Amino acid sequence: LAGVDSFRLVRAAAASSASDPTPEGKSIVELAEAEGYSPSTNSGTEG
């Protein structure tokens, strides 16, 4: 959406799908990784 950093969306989508075992959840993480996301880029404490 307008005014939102694109990588912020990618990071949030990947974080919310990291523990999702479904094929959809895995595909979100894979797409995020293709966009440059990795678990180390997700700042903050353990969720």
ModelCIF file with pLDDT and N, C-alpha, C, O atoms, coordinates in Angstrom:
data_MODEL
#
_entry.id   MODEL 
#
_entity.id                         1 
_entity.type                       polymer 
_entity.pdbx_number_of_molecules   1 
#
_entity_poly.entity_id                      1 
_entity_poly.type                           'polypeptide(L)' 
_entity_poly.nstd_linkage                   no 
_entity_poly.nstd_monomer                   no 
_entity_poly.pdbx_seq_one_letter_code       LAGVDSFRLVRAAAASSASDPTPEGKSIVELAEAEGYSPSTNSGTEG 
_entity_poly.pdbx_seq_one_letter_code_can   LAGVDSFRLVRAAAASSASDPTPEGKSIVELAEAEGYSPSTNSGTEG 
_entity_poly.pdbx_strand_id                 A 
#
loop_
_entity_poly_seq.entity_id 
_entity_poly_seq.num 
_entity_poly_seq.mon_id 
_entity_poly_seq.hetero 
1 1  LEU n 
1 2  ALA n 
1 3  GLY n 
1 4  VAL n 
1 5  ASP n 
1 6  SER n 
1 7  PHE n 
1 8  ARG n 
1 9  LEU n 
1 10 VAL n 
1 11 ARG n 
1 12 ALA n 
1 13 ALA n 
1 14 ALA n 
1 15 ALA n 
1 16 SER n 
1 17 SER n 
1 18 ALA n 
1 19 SER n 
1 20 ASP n 
1 21 PRO n 
1 22 THR n 
1 23 PRO n 
1 24 GLU n 
1 25 GLY n 
1 26 LYS n 
1 27 SER n 
1 28 ILE n 
1 29 VAL n 
1 30 GLU n 
1 31 LEU n 
1 32 ALA n 
1 33 GLU n 
1 34 ALA n 
1 35 GLU n 
1 36 GLY n 
1 37 TYR n 
1 38 SER n 
1 39 PRO n 
1 40 SER n 
1 41 THR n 
1 42 ASN n 
1 43 SER n 
1 44 GLY n 
1 45 THR n 
1 46 GLU n 
1 47 GLY n 
#
_struct_asym.id          A 
_struct_asym.entity_id   1 
#
loop_
_ma_qa_metric.id 
_ma_qa_metric.mode 
_ma_qa_metric.name 
_ma_qa_metric.software_group_id 
_ma_qa_metric.type 
1 global pLDDT . pLDDT 
2 local  pLDDT . pLDDT 
#
_ma_qa_metric_global.metric_id      1 
_ma_qa_metric_global.metric_value   80.79 
_ma_qa_metric_global.model_id       1 
_ma_qa_metric_global.ordinal_id     1 
#
loop_
_ma_qa_metric_local.label_asym_id 
_ma_qa_metric_local.label_comp_id 
_ma_qa_metric_local.label_seq_id 
_ma_qa_metric_local.metric_id 
_ma_qa_metric_local.metric_value 
_ma_qa_metric_local.model_id 
_ma_qa_metric_local.ordinal_id 
A LEU 1  2 92.00 1 1  
A ALA 2  2 91.00 1 2  
A GLY 3  2 89.00 1 3  
A VAL 4  2 91.00 1 4  
A ASP 5  2 90.00 1 5  
A SER 6  2 89.00 1 6  
A PHE 7  2 90.00 1 7  
A ARG 8  2 91.00 1 8  
A LEU 9  2 92.00 1 9  
A VAL 10 2 92.00 1 10 
A ARG 11 2 90.00 1 11 
A ALA 12 2 91.00 1 12 
A ALA 13 2 91.00 1 13 
A ALA 14 2 90.00 1 14 
A ALA 15 2 88.00 1 15 
A SER 16 2 86.00 1 16 
A SER 17 2 85.00 1 17 
A ALA 18 2 80.00 1 18 
A SER 19 2 74.00 1 19 
A ASP 20 2 73.00 1 20 
A PRO 21 2 70.00 1 21 
A THR 22 2 71.00 1 22 
A PRO 23 2 74.00 1 23 
A GLU 24 2 80.00 1 24 
A GLY 25 2 82.00 1 25 
A LYS 26 2 84.00 1 26 
A SER 27 2 87.00 1 27 
A ILE 28 2 90.00 1 28 
A VAL 29 2 89.00 1 29 
A GLU 30 2 88.00 1 30 
A LEU 31 2 90.00 1 31 
A ALA 32 2 90.00 1 32 
A GLU 33 2 89.00 1 33 
A ALA 34 2 89.00 1 34 
A GLU 35 2 87.00 1 35 
A GLY 36 2 85.00 1 36 
A TYR 37 2 83.00 1 37 
A SER 38 2 79.00 1 38 
A PRO 39 2 70.00 1 39 
A SER 40 2 62.00 1 40 
A THR 41 2 56.00 1 41 
A ASN 42 2 54.00 1 42 
A SER 43 2 49.00 1 43 
A GLY 44 2 47.00 1 44 
A THR 45 2 50.00 1 45 
A GLU 46 2 67.00 1 46 
A GLY 47 2 80.00 1 47 
#
loop_
_atom_site.group_PDB 
_atom_site.id 
_atom_site.type_symbol 
_atom_site.label_atom_id 
_atom_site.label_alt_id 
_atom_site.label_comp_id 
_atom_site.label_asym_id 
_atom_site.label_entity_id 
_atom_site.label_seq_id 
_atom_site.pdbx_PDB_ins_code 
_atom_site.Cartn_x 
_atom_site.Cartn_y 
_atom_site.Cartn_z 
_atom_site.occupancy 
_atom_site.B_iso_or_equiv 
_atom_site.pdbx_formal_charge 
_atom_site.auth_seq_id 
_atom_site.auth_comp_id 
_atom_site.auth_asym_id 
_atom_site.auth_atom_id 
_atom_site.pdbx_PDB_model_num 
ATOM 1   N N  . LEU A 1 1  ? 0.837  -1.199  0.000  1.00 92.00 ? 1  LEU A N  1 
ATOM 2   C CA . LEU A 1 1  ? 0.000  0.000   0.000  1.00 92.00 ? 1  LEU A CA 1 
ATOM 3   C C  . LEU A 1 1  ? 0.873  1.251   0.000  1.00 92.00 ? 1  LEU A C  1 
ATOM 4   O O  . LEU A 1 1  ? 2.046  1.205   0.370  1.00 92.00 ? 1  LEU A O  1 
ATOM 5   N N  . ALA A 1 2  ? 0.289  2.356   -0.416 1.00 91.00 ? 2  ALA A N  1 
ATOM 6   C CA . ALA A 1 2  ? 1.017  3.630   -0.490 1.00 91.00 ? 2  ALA A CA 1 
ATOM 7   C C  . ALA A 1 2  ? 1.541  4.025   0.886  1.00 91.00 ? 2  ALA A C  1 
ATOM 8   O O  . ALA A 1 2  ? 0.854  3.887   1.898  1.00 91.00 ? 2  ALA A O  1 
ATOM 9   N N  . GLY A 1 3  ? 2.787  4.523   0.893  1.00 89.00 ? 3  GLY A N  1 
ATOM 10  C CA . GLY A 1 3  ? 3.382  4.979   2.140  1.00 89.00 ? 3  GLY A CA 1 
ATOM 11  C C  . GLY A 1 3  ? 4.018  3.887   2.959  1.00 89.00 ? 3  GLY A C  1 
ATOM 12  O O  . GLY A 1 3  ? 4.525  4.156   4.049  1.00 89.00 ? 3  GLY A O  1 
ATOM 13  N N  . VAL A 1 4  ? 4.007  2.669   2.474  1.00 91.00 ? 4  VAL A N  1 
ATOM 14  C CA . VAL A 1 4  ? 4.585  1.537   3.196  1.00 91.00 ? 4  VAL A CA 1 
ATOM 15  C C  . VAL A 1 4  ? 5.834  1.071   2.458  1.00 91.00 ? 4  VAL A C  1 
ATOM 16  O O  . VAL A 1 4  ? 5.815  0.876   1.243  1.00 91.00 ? 4  VAL A O  1 
ATOM 17  N N  . ASP A 1 5  ? 6.909  0.898   3.199  1.00 90.00 ? 5  ASP A N  1 
ATOM 18  C CA . ASP A 1 5  ? 8.133  0.373   2.603  1.00 90.00 ? 5  ASP A CA 1 
ATOM 19  C C  . ASP A 1 5  ? 7.886  -1.080  2.159  1.00 90.00 ? 5  ASP A C  1 
ATOM 20  O O  . ASP A 1 5  ? 7.383  -1.892  2.936  1.00 90.00 ? 5  ASP A O  1 
ATOM 21  N N  . SER A 1 6  ? 8.240  -1.395  0.920  1.00 89.00 ? 6  SER A N  1 
ATOM 22  C CA . SER A 1 6  ? 7.938  -2.725  0.370  1.00 89.00 ? 6  SER A CA 1 
ATOM 23  C C  . SER A 1 6  ? 8.607  -3.834  1.173  1.00 89.00 ? 6  SER A C  1 
ATOM 24  O O  . SER A 1 6  ? 8.027  -4.904  1.357  1.00 89.00 ? 6  SER A O  1 
ATOM 25  N N  . PHE A 1 7  ? 9.842  -3.581  1.657  1.00 90.00 ? 7  PHE A N  1 
ATOM 26  C CA . PHE A 1 7  ? 10.519 -4.633  2.399  1.00 90.00 ? 7  PHE A CA 1 
ATOM 27  C C  . PHE A 1 7  ? 9.877  -4.853  3.761  1.00 90.00 ? 7  PHE A C  1 
ATOM 28  O O  . PHE A 1 7  ? 9.971  -5.939  4.333  1.00 90.00 ? 7  PHE A O  1 
ATOM 29  N N  . ARG A 1 8  ? 9.228  -3.823  4.272  1.00 91.00 ? 8  ARG A N  1 
ATOM 30  C CA . ARG A 1 8  ? 8.513  -3.968  5.541  1.00 91.00 ? 8  ARG A CA 1 
ATOM 31  C C  . ARG A 1 8  ? 7.373  -4.978  5.398  1.00 91.00 ? 8  ARG A C  1 
ATOM 32  O O  . ARG A 1 8  ? 7.133  -5.797  6.285  1.00 91.00 ? 8  ARG A O  1 
ATOM 33  N N  . LEU A 1 9  ? 6.677  -4.899  4.264  1.00 92.00 ? 9  LEU A N  1 
ATOM 34  C CA . LEU A 1 9  ? 5.608  -5.872  3.982  1.00 92.00 ? 9  LEU A CA 1 
ATOM 35  C C  . LEU A 1 9  ? 6.180  -7.267  3.820  1.00 92.00 ? 9  LEU A C  1 
ATOM 36  O O  . LEU A 1 9  ? 5.638  -8.230  4.362  1.00 92.00 ? 9  LEU A O  1 
ATOM 37  N N  . VAL A 1 10 ? 7.291  -7.386  3.064  1.00 92.00 ? 10 VAL A N  1 
ATOM 38  C CA . VAL A 1 10 ? 7.910  -8.693  2.830  1.00 92.00 ? 10 VAL A CA 1 
ATOM 39  C C  . VAL A 1 10 ? 8.333  -9.327  4.148  1.00 92.00 ? 10 VAL A C  1 
ATOM 40  O O  . VAL A 1 10 ? 8.102  -10.514 4.377  1.00 92.00 ? 10 VAL A O  1 
ATOM 41  N N  . ARG A 1 11 ? 8.959  -8.522  5.021  1.00 90.00 ? 11 ARG A N  1 
ATOM 42  C CA . ARG A 1 11 ? 9.441  -9.031  6.304  1.00 90.00 ? 11 ARG A CA 1 
ATOM 43  C C  . ARG A 1 11 ? 8.289  -9.487  7.196  1.00 90.00 ? 11 ARG A C  1 
ATOM 44  O O  . ARG A 1 11 ? 8.369  -10.532 7.843  1.00 90.00 ? 11 ARG A O  1 
ATOM 45  N N  . ALA A 1 12 ? 7.216  -8.695  7.223  1.00 91.00 ? 12 ALA A N  1 
ATOM 46  C CA . ALA A 1 12 ? 6.064  -9.050  8.064  1.00 91.00 ? 12 ALA A CA 1 
ATOM 47  C C  . ALA A 1 12 ? 5.369  -10.301 7.535  1.00 91.00 ? 12 ALA A C  1 
ATOM 48  O O  . ALA A 1 12 ? 4.941  -11.155 8.312  1.00 91.00 ? 12 ALA A O  1 
ATOM 49  N N  . ALA A 1 13 ? 5.260  -10.406 6.222  1.00 91.00 ? 13 ALA A N  1 
ATOM 50  C CA . ALA A 1 13 ? 4.611  -11.579 5.628  1.00 91.00 ? 13 ALA A CA 1 
ATOM 51  C C  . ALA A 1 13 ? 5.409  -12.839 5.921  1.00 91.00 ? 13 ALA A C  1 
ATOM 52  O O  . ALA A 1 13 ? 4.836  -13.876 6.256  1.00 91.00 ? 13 ALA A O  1 
ATOM 53  N N  . ALA A 1 14 ? 6.727  -12.755 5.796  1.00 90.00 ? 14 ALA A N  1 
ATOM 54  C CA . ALA A 1 14 ? 7.575  -13.916 6.059  1.00 90.00 ? 14 ALA A CA 1 
ATOM 55  C C  . ALA A 1 14 ? 7.542  -14.304 7.526  1.00 90.00 ? 14 ALA A C  1 
ATOM 56  O O  . ALA A 1 14 ? 7.497  -15.488 7.857  1.00 90.00 ? 14 ALA A O  1 
ATOM 57  N N  . ALA A 1 15 ? 7.565  -13.297 8.420  1.00 88.00 ? 15 ALA A N  1 
ATOM 58  C CA . ALA A 1 15 ? 7.558  -13.589 9.847  1.00 88.00 ? 15 ALA A CA 1 
ATOM 59  C C  . ALA A 1 15 ? 6.264  -14.283 10.261 1.00 88.00 ? 15 ALA A C  1 
ATOM 60  O O  . ALA A 1 15 ? 6.287  -15.203 11.078 1.00 88.00 ? 15 ALA A O  1 
ATOM 61  N N  . SER A 1 16 ? 5.143  -13.849 9.704  1.00 86.00 ? 16 SER A N  1 
ATOM 62  C CA . SER A 1 16 ? 3.855  -14.453 10.065 1.00 86.00 ? 16 SER A CA 1 
ATOM 63  C C  . SER A 1 16 ? 3.669  -15.826 9.441  1.00 86.00 ? 16 SER A C  1 
ATOM 64  O O  . SER A 1 16 ? 2.746  -16.554 9.806  1.00 86.00 ? 16 SER A O  1 
ATOM 65  N N  . SER A 1 17 ? 4.541  -16.189 8.499  1.00 85.00 ? 17 SER A N  1 
ATOM 66  C CA . SER A 1 17 ? 4.424  -17.485 7.815  1.00 85.00 ? 17 SER A CA 1 
ATOM 67  C C  . SER A 1 17 ? 5.548  -18.443 8.174  1.00 85.00 ? 17 SER A C  1 
ATOM 68  O O  . SER A 1 17 ? 5.551  -19.591 7.729  1.00 85.00 ? 17 SER A O  1 
ATOM 69  N N  . ALA A 1 18 ? 6.502  -17.983 8.973  1.00 80.00 ? 18 ALA A N  1 
ATOM 70  C CA . ALA A 1 18 ? 7.683  -18.803 9.249  1.00 80.00 ? 18 ALA A CA 1 
ATOM 71  C C  . ALA A 1 18 ? 7.323  -20.135 9.893  1.00 80.00 ? 18 ALA A C  1 
ATOM 72  O O  . ALA A 1 18 ? 7.985  -21.142 9.644  1.00 80.00 ? 18 ALA A O  1 
ATOM 73  N N  . SER A 1 19 ? 6.281  -20.149 10.718 1.00 74.00 ? 19 SER A N  1 
ATOM 74  C CA . SER A 1 19 ? 5.886  -21.391 11.391 1.00 74.00 ? 19 SER A CA 1 
ATOM 75  C C  . SER A 1 19 ? 4.648  -22.007 10.773 1.00 74.00 ? 19 SER A C  1 
ATOM 76  O O  . SER A 1 19 ? 4.024  -22.886 11.368 1.00 74.00 ? 19 SER A O  1 
ATOM 77  N N  . ASP A 1 20 ? 4.287  -21.548 9.573  1.00 73.00 ? 20 ASP A N  1 
ATOM 78  C CA . ASP A 1 20 ? 3.105  -22.068 8.873  1.00 73.00 ? 20 ASP A CA 1 
ATOM 79  C C  . ASP A 1 20 ? 3.529  -23.272 8.025  1.00 73.00 ? 20 ASP A C  1 
ATOM 80  O O  . ASP A 1 20 ? 4.255  -23.088 7.049  1.00 73.00 ? 20 ASP A O  1 
ATOM 81  N N  . PRO A 1 21 ? 3.098  -24.518 8.364  1.00 70.00 ? 21 PRO A N  1 
ATOM 82  C CA . PRO A 1 21 ? 3.565  -25.702 7.633  1.00 70.00 ? 21 PRO A CA 1 
ATOM 83  C C  . PRO A 1 21 ? 2.823  -25.955 6.325  1.00 70.00 ? 21 PRO A C  1 
ATOM 84  O O  . PRO A 1 21 ? 3.185  -26.863 5.577  1.00 70.00 ? 21 PRO A O  1 
ATOM 85  N N  . THR A 1 22 ? 1.792  -25.166 6.042  1.00 71.00 ? 22 THR A N  1 
ATOM 86  C CA . THR A 1 22 ? 0.993  -25.409 4.836  1.00 71.00 ? 22 THR A CA 1 
ATOM 87  C C  . THR A 1 22 ? 1.782  -25.019 3.588  1.00 71.00 ? 22 THR A C  1 
ATOM 88  O O  . THR A 1 22 ? 2.706  -24.210 3.670  1.00 71.00 ? 22 THR A O  1 
ATOM 89  N N  . PRO A 1 23 ? 1.425  -25.590 2.425  1.00 74.00 ? 23 PRO A N  1 
ATOM 90  C CA . PRO A 1 23 ? 2.103  -25.191 1.179  1.00 74.00 ? 23 PRO A CA 1 
ATOM 91  C C  . PRO A 1 23 ? 1.995  -23.695 0.920  1.00 74.00 ? 23 PRO A C  1 
ATOM 92  O O  . PRO A 1 23 ? 2.931  -23.103 0.382  1.00 74.00 ? 23 PRO A O  1 
ATOM 93  N N  . GLU A 1 24 ? 0.870  -23.060 1.292  1.00 80.00 ? 24 GLU A N  1 
ATOM 94  C CA . GLU A 1 24 ? 0.715  -21.626 1.085  1.00 80.00 ? 24 GLU A CA 1 
ATOM 95  C C  . GLU A 1 24 ? 1.717  -20.842 1.929  1.00 80.00 ? 24 GLU A C  1 
ATOM 96  O O  . GLU A 1 24 ? 2.362  -19.904 1.459  1.00 80.00 ? 24 GLU A O  1 
ATOM 97  N N  . GLY A 1 25 ? 1.828  -21.268 3.218  1.00 82.00 ? 25 GLY A N  1 
ATOM 98  C CA . GLY A 1 25 ? 2.767  -20.585 4.099  1.00 82.00 ? 25 GLY A CA 1 
ATOM 99  C C  . GLY A 1 25 ? 4.199  -20.722 3.624  1.00 82.00 ? 25 GLY A C  1 
ATOM 100 O O  . GLY A 1 25 ? 4.966  -19.760 3.655  1.00 82.00 ? 25 GLY A O  1 
ATOM 101 N N  . LYS A 1 26 ? 4.557  -21.907 3.187  1.00 84.00 ? 26 LYS A N  1 
ATOM 102 C CA . LYS A 1 26 ? 5.917  -22.126 2.687  1.00 84.00 ? 26 LYS A CA 1 
ATOM 103 C C  . LYS A 1 26 ? 6.190  -21.293 1.444  1.00 84.00 ? 26 LYS A C  1 
ATOM 104 O O  . LYS A 1 26 ? 7.288  -20.765 1.264  1.00 84.00 ? 26 LYS A O  1 
ATOM 105 N N  . SER A 1 27 ? 5.165  -21.181 0.576  1.00 87.00 ? 27 SER A N  1 
ATOM 106 C CA . SER A 1 27 ? 5.365  -20.401 -0.651 1.00 87.00 ? 27 SER A CA 1 
ATOM 107 C C  . SER A 1 27 ? 5.552  -18.921 -0.341 1.00 87.00 ? 27 SER A C  1 
ATOM 108 O O  . SER A 1 27 ? 6.261  -18.228 -1.071 1.00 87.00 ? 27 SER A O  1 
ATOM 109 N N  . ILE A 1 28 ? 4.921  -18.415 0.741  1.00 90.00 ? 28 ILE A N  1 
ATOM 110 C CA . ILE A 1 28 ? 5.107  -17.009 1.135  1.00 90.00 ? 28 ILE A CA 1 
ATOM 111 C C  . ILE A 1 28 ? 6.539  -16.771 1.580  1.00 90.00 ? 28 ILE A C  1 
ATOM 112 O O  . ILE A 1 28 ? 7.159  -15.776 1.206  1.00 90.00 ? 28 ILE A O  1 
ATOM 113 N N  . VAL A 1 29 ? 7.060  -17.692 2.383  1.00 89.00 ? 29 VAL A N  1 
ATOM 114 C CA . VAL A 1 29 ? 8.449  -17.571 2.841  1.00 89.00 ? 29 VAL A CA 1 
ATOM 115 C C  . VAL A 1 29 ? 9.405  -17.642 1.653  1.00 89.00 ? 29 VAL A C  1 
ATOM 116 O O  . VAL A 1 29 ? 10.364 -16.874 1.579  1.00 89.00 ? 29 VAL A O  1 
ATOM 117 N N  . GLU A 1 30 ? 9.143  -18.567 0.720  1.00 88.00 ? 30 GLU A N  1 
ATOM 118 C CA . GLU A 1 30 ? 10.012 -18.702 -0.456 1.00 88.00 ? 30 GLU A CA 1 
ATOM 119 C C  . GLU A 1 30 ? 9.993  -17.433 -1.302 1.00 88.00 ? 30 GLU A C  1 
ATOM 120 O O  . GLU A 1 30 ? 11.033 -16.995 -1.793 1.00 88.00 ? 30 GLU A O  1 
ATOM 121 N N  . LEU A 1 31 ? 8.793  -16.835 -1.474 1.00 90.00 ? 31 LEU A N  1 
ATOM 122 C CA . LEU A 1 31 ? 8.710  -15.594 -2.252 1.00 90.00 ? 31 LEU A CA 1 
ATOM 123 C C  . LEU A 1 31 ? 9.430  -14.458 -1.530 1.00 90.00 ? 31 LEU A C  1 
ATOM 124 O O  . LEU A 1 31 ? 10.085 -13.631 -2.164 1.00 90.00 ? 31 LEU A O  1 
ATOM 125 N N  . ALA A 1 32 ? 9.305  -14.418 -0.189 1.00 90.00 ? 32 ALA A N  1 
ATOM 126 C CA . ALA A 1 32 ? 9.998  -13.383 0.587  1.00 90.00 ? 32 ALA A CA 1 
ATOM 127 C C  . ALA A 1 32 ? 11.507 -13.526 0.459  1.00 90.00 ? 32 ALA A C  1 
ATOM 128 O O  . ALA A 1 32 ? 12.221 -12.532 0.325  1.00 90.00 ? 32 ALA A O  1 
ATOM 129 N N  . GLU A 1 33 ? 12.000 -14.781 0.500  1.00 89.00 ? 33 GLU A N  1 
ATOM 130 C CA . GLU A 1 33 ? 13.432 -15.006 0.347  1.00 89.00 ? 33 GLU A CA 1 
ATOM 131 C C  . GLU A 1 33 ? 13.909 -14.586 -1.028 1.00 89.00 ? 33 GLU A C  1 
ATOM 132 O O  . GLU A 1 33 ? 15.026 -14.091 -1.184 1.00 89.00 ? 33 GLU A O  1 
ATOM 133 N N  . ALA A 1 34 ? 13.051 -14.787 -2.037 1.00 89.00 ? 34 ALA A N  1 
ATOM 134 C CA . ALA A 1 34 ? 13.400 -14.337 -3.384 1.00 89.00 ? 34 ALA A CA 1 
ATOM 135 C C  . ALA A 1 34 ? 13.475 -12.812 -3.450 1.00 89.00 ? 34 ALA A C  1 
ATOM 136 O O  . ALA A 1 34 ? 14.162 -12.250 -4.303 1.00 89.00 ? 34 ALA A O  1 
ATOM 137 N N  . GLU A 1 35 ? 12.743 -12.139 -2.517 1.00 87.00 ? 35 GLU A N  1 
ATOM 138 C CA . GLU A 1 35 ? 12.765 -10.672 -2.466 1.00 87.00 ? 35 GLU A CA 1 
ATOM 139 C C  . GLU A 1 35 ? 13.893 -10.153 -1.580 1.00 87.00 ? 35 GLU A C  1 
ATOM 140 O O  . GLU A 1 35 ? 14.018 -8.944  -1.387 1.00 87.00 ? 35 GLU A O  1 
ATOM 141 N N  . GLY A 1 36 ? 14.719 -11.054 -1.040 1.00 85.00 ? 36 GLY A N  1 
ATOM 142 C CA . GLY A 1 36 ? 15.866 -10.644 -0.243 1.00 85.00 ? 36 GLY A CA 1 
ATOM 143 C C  . GLY A 1 36 ? 15.710 -10.829 1.247  1.00 85.00 ? 36 GLY A C  1 
ATOM 144 O O  . GLY A 1 36 ? 16.602 -10.448 2.005  1.00 85.00 ? 36 GLY A O  1 
ATOM 145 N N  . TYR A 1 37 ? 14.609 -11.400 1.693  1.00 83.00 ? 37 TYR A N  1 
ATOM 146 C CA . TYR A 1 37 ? 14.400 -11.596 3.128  1.00 83.00 ? 37 TYR A CA 1 
ATOM 147 C C  . TYR A 1 37 ? 15.182 -12.810 3.623  1.00 83.00 ? 37 TYR A C  1 
ATOM 148 O O  . TYR A 1 37 ? 15.315 -13.811 2.920  1.00 83.00 ? 37 TYR A O  1 
ATOM 149 N N  . SER A 1 38 ? 15.708 -12.697 4.874  1.00 79.00 ? 38 SER A N  1 
ATOM 150 C CA . SER A 1 38 ? 16.288 -13.838 5.575  1.00 79.00 ? 38 SER A CA 1 
ATOM 151 C C  . SER A 1 38 ? 15.962 -13.663 7.044  1.00 79.00 ? 38 SER A C  1 
ATOM 152 O O  . SER A 1 38 ? 15.773 -12.533 7.495  1.00 79.00 ? 38 SER A O  1 
ATOM 153 N N  . PRO A 1 39 ? 15.889 -14.746 7.805  1.00 70.00 ? 39 PRO A N  1 
ATOM 154 C CA . PRO A 1 39 ? 15.516 -14.629 9.228  1.00 70.00 ? 39 PRO A CA 1 
ATOM 155 C C  . PRO A 1 39 ? 16.373 -13.635 9.997  1.00 70.00 ? 39 PRO A C  1 
ATOM 156 O O  . PRO A 1 39 ? 15.892 -13.017 10.947 1.00 70.00 ? 39 PRO A O  1 
ATOM 157 N N  . SER A 1 40 ? 17.614 -13.471 9.612  1.00 62.00 ? 40 SER A N  1 
ATOM 158 C CA . SER A 1 40 ? 18.504 -12.574 10.356 1.00 62.00 ? 40 SER A CA 1 
ATOM 159 C C  . SER A 1 40 ? 18.106 -11.114 10.195 1.00 62.00 ? 40 SER A C  1 
ATOM 160 O O  . SER A 1 40 ? 18.473 -10.279 11.022 1.00 62.00 ? 40 SER A O  1 
ATOM 161 N N  . THR A 1 41 ? 17.362 -10.796 9.143  1.00 56.00 ? 41 THR A N  1 
ATOM 162 C CA . THR A 1 41 ? 16.954 -9.406  8.928  1.00 56.00 ? 41 THR A CA 1 
ATOM 163 C C  . THR A 1 41 ? 15.743 -9.025  9.753  1.00 56.00 ? 41 THR A C  1 
ATOM 164 O O  . THR A 1 41 ? 15.344 -7.861  9.766  1.00 56.00 ? 41 THR A O  1 
ATOM 165 N N  . ASN A 1 42 ? 15.150 -9.995  10.447 1.00 54.00 ? 42 ASN A N  1 
ATOM 166 C CA . ASN A 1 42 ? 13.956 -9.732  11.240 1.00 54.00 ? 42 ASN A CA 1 
ATOM 167 C C  . ASN A 1 42 ? 14.370 -9.331  12.662 1.00 54.00 ? 42 ASN A C  1 
ATOM 168 O O  . ASN A 1 42 ? 14.668 -10.189 13.493 1.00 54.00 ? 42 ASN A O  1 
ATOM 169 N N  . SER A 1 43 ? 14.386 -8.041  12.928 1.00 49.00 ? 43 SER A N  1 
ATOM 170 C CA . SER A 1 43 ? 14.856 -7.544  14.224 1.00 49.00 ? 43 SER A CA 1 
ATOM 171 C C  . SER A 1 43 ? 13.830 -7.789  15.313 1.00 49.00 ? 43 SER A C  1 
ATOM 172 O O  . SER A 1 43 ? 12.653 -8.007  15.026 1.00 49.00 ? 43 SER A O  1 
ATOM 173 N N  . GLY A 1 44 ? 14.255 -7.755  16.519 1.00 47.00 ? 44 GLY A N  1 
ATOM 174 C CA . GLY A 1 44 ? 13.342 -7.932  17.649 1.00 47.00 ? 44 GLY A CA 1 
ATOM 175 C C  . GLY A 1 44 ? 13.622 -9.215  18.370 1.00 47.00 ? 44 GLY A C  1 
ATOM 176 O O  . GLY A 1 44 ? 14.406 -10.042 17.905 1.00 47.00 ? 44 GLY A O  1 
ATOM 177 N N  . THR A 1 45 ? 12.995 -9.386  19.487 1.00 50.00 ? 45 THR A N  1 
ATOM 178 C CA . THR A 1 45 ? 13.194 -10.590 20.291 1.00 50.00 ? 45 THR A CA 1 
ATOM 179 C C  . THR A 1 45 ? 12.405 -11.742 19.719 1.00 50.00 ? 45 THR A C  1 
ATOM 180 O O  . THR A 1 45 ? 11.625 -11.595 18.778 1.00 50.00 ? 45 THR A O  1 
ATOM 181 N N  . GLU A 1 46 ? 12.635 -12.898 20.321 1.00 67.00 ? 46 GLU A N  1 
ATOM 182 C CA . GLU A 1 46 ? 11.945 -14.108 19.881 1.00 67.00 ? 46 GLU A CA 1 
ATOM 183 C C  . GLU A 1 46 ? 10.442 -13.930 20.043 1.00 67.00 ? 46 GLU A C  1 
ATOM 184 O O  . GLU A 1 46 ? 9.979  -13.423 21.065 1.00 67.00 ? 46 GLU A O  1 
ATOM 185 N N  . GLY A 1 47 ? 9.670  -14.352 19.020 1.00 80.00 ? 47 GLY A N  1 
ATOM 186 C CA . GLY A 1 47 ? 8.228  -14.160 19.059 1.00 80.00 ? 47 GLY A CA 1 
ATOM 187 C C  . GLY A 1 47 ? 7.473  -15.439 19.390 1.00 80.00 ? 47 GLY A C  1 
ATOM 188 O O  . GLY A 1 47 ? 6.244  -15.431 19.458 1.00 80.00 ? 47 GLY A O  1 
#
